[in-house]
Amino acid sequence: MHNLDLIMTITGGFTAALLFGYLTHRLGMSSIVGYLLAGIAVGSHTPGFVADRAMAEQFAEIGVILLMFGVGLQFHLKELLEVRRVAIPGALCQSAVATLLSCLVARWLGWSWPAGIVFGFAVSVASTVVLLRVLVDNNELHTPTGHIAVGWLVVEDILTVFLLVILPILFGAGTAGSASLPAAIGLSLAKIALLVALTFWVGGRVIPWLLERVAATHSRELFTLAVLVLALGVAVGSAQVFGVSMALGAFLAGMVVKQSDFSFRAASEALPMRDAFAVLFFVSVGMLFDPTHLMQEPGLVLLTLVIILLGKPLAALAIVLVLGYAPRVGLSVAVALAQIGEFSFILATAGRDLGVIGTSGANAIVAAAIISISLNPLLYRLIAPLERRARHTRLWQMLEARSKPPVPGGEKIPGQHPVSRDRAVVVGYGPTGRMLARLLAENAIDPFVVEMNIGTVRQLQSEGTGALYGDATNPDTLRAAGVQDAVALVLTSAGMQGSEEVIRLAREINPRVRIIARTTYLRDIPALREAGADAVFSGEGEIALNMTEHMLRKLGATEEQIDRERERVRAELFGNPVAVKPFAA
């Protein structure tokens, strides 16, 4: 029966998440809203199927670990340093304002100070997933606004990790109110420092060595398994040996992998597993929500929304303007941060486990998250019309006049390689790939190689050739290689698995890119053409053409006869002659 409950919980949770996630996505909202609604639907507070909350929470723990591992993998120190003058003071001041307002609300409701502080921490943290989605949808990710907002979130992520470490120390059993509290804090900070040092010193050597040995097997399953073992292993080891949160260990493991040559592939390979467990995390949070709470304590939910939708944005707007940025930038950053999400749930869950936040606080956070996440994209679309109306006012013009230039390098895309005007992405670097890369370079088209052999990638990088270690069947790999701005994508390996998927993904990312593929057998050509390839070359076909031409020459045929027979054989073998058209950006 226990196994059946487990299967029913996972199946029911995923099914509800799929249905509600698809519905909210079609409505233009974040899928997170759908996952939370799915949790409400399968929870004990609504009729119908009821999932096992304890089991869901156990899987949610894995989701938290993988989420924090992903944060470490995506941590861009350079990106933070570029906007540190506004991101660091902005995130700290805004978090302080949100926490102070939340504490006032909590005290007014009769809560304890610890409850108010933890509740405030949870309300102050914006959702990375929602913010990135809004910025991408509005083409603002790679603008000064996007860089400031993302850097702001990096600071909030670091603050969240610190809070997850410090909360058990402050509010754990036997520590709060104890005379030995300073000693307990000092000991815990010493353990954290030792963990960080060992993770980067030992892990910085062992982890890349391990990943390189696993990558040498060319087994995708083993590499994915190795990444999961590292994330979970370091997280569990941090908790068991050093007594700190598993979230911190997972975050540090992600940072160590980030510094290796395997960072991009590790991120892309771990994403599906991370997303699956993250969905269960959001579902488990939704299961905690009691819809009747909205009727019982509407004031708490309303005040929480006021803090999220008014208090936080106004604080962010004031900070950005005081630091001398344009009013459009300040307004965009403020609205983008006017929501809460995954880290709010993580902090709230930690507070609930410590007995600091009760059911009322957790319900308010879930309700406020659902509403703020749903409203955020709609509010962001109001920025442009608001700017058009306000730009003629004296205040707006004064703020615009005193604003400083955008952040230097604001157009650079973090984590991606600069794209030249004429670039061809070459997948595979065997004999064919090497020849093509050389010919492209000699004809003023920069080749960028995507290769699964780490040694080849390192050699190319040392020679000054753009190269990326990753799987081309992953869309993030193609984007990082620059296929969205490339003039051509060339699949040079005849035995490559997933060629059709690579072609479809590239065509979706860049409809204008010219795609050239290679296959061993003639029977594979129609499928590759249907997937979107402009030209497909088959080993069987090319051998037949070369043998035909050789025979005709030996028999004394003229060049005109050879050309005519070549075209006839090509049409019979390939279906249509290979059209020759110039690369066009």
Foldseek 3Di string as FASTA:
>chain_A
DVVVLLVCQLVQLVVQLVVQLVVCVVVVFHSLLSLLVSLLCQFPQHDDHHHDLVSLVVLLLLLLLLVLLLLLLPQDPVLLVLQVVQQQVLLVQLLVLQLVLQQVVCVVVPADNLLSNLLSLLLSQADPVLLVVLCVVVVNCLFLLNSSLVSNNSNNSVVLLVCQFCVCLCQNPPRHPDPCSVVSVVLLVVLVVVLLVCCCPVVLPVVLVVLQVQLVVVDLVSNQVSLSCLSQVQLVCCCPPSVGHSSNSSSSSSNSCSPHQCSVASSLSNVVVSVSSNSSSSSSLSSLANVCLCVVCVPLLVSSLCCLQPVSLVSQLVSCLVVFAASLSSNLSSLSRSAGDDSSLVSVVSCVVSVRHDSSSSNSNSVRRSVSSRCSSVVNVCSVVVCVVCCPDPVNVVSRVRHDDRRPPSNDDPLADDDDQEEEEEEDCDPQNVVVQVVCVVVVHAYAYEYSNVVVCVVCVVVVHHYGHHDLLGLVVCVRSPLLNYLEYEYRDQPDPPLLSSLLSSCVSHVRHAYEYEHADLVCLVSNVVSPHLYYYYVVLVVVLVVLLVVCVVVPHDPVVNVVVSLVSCCVRNVHPRDDDDRDD
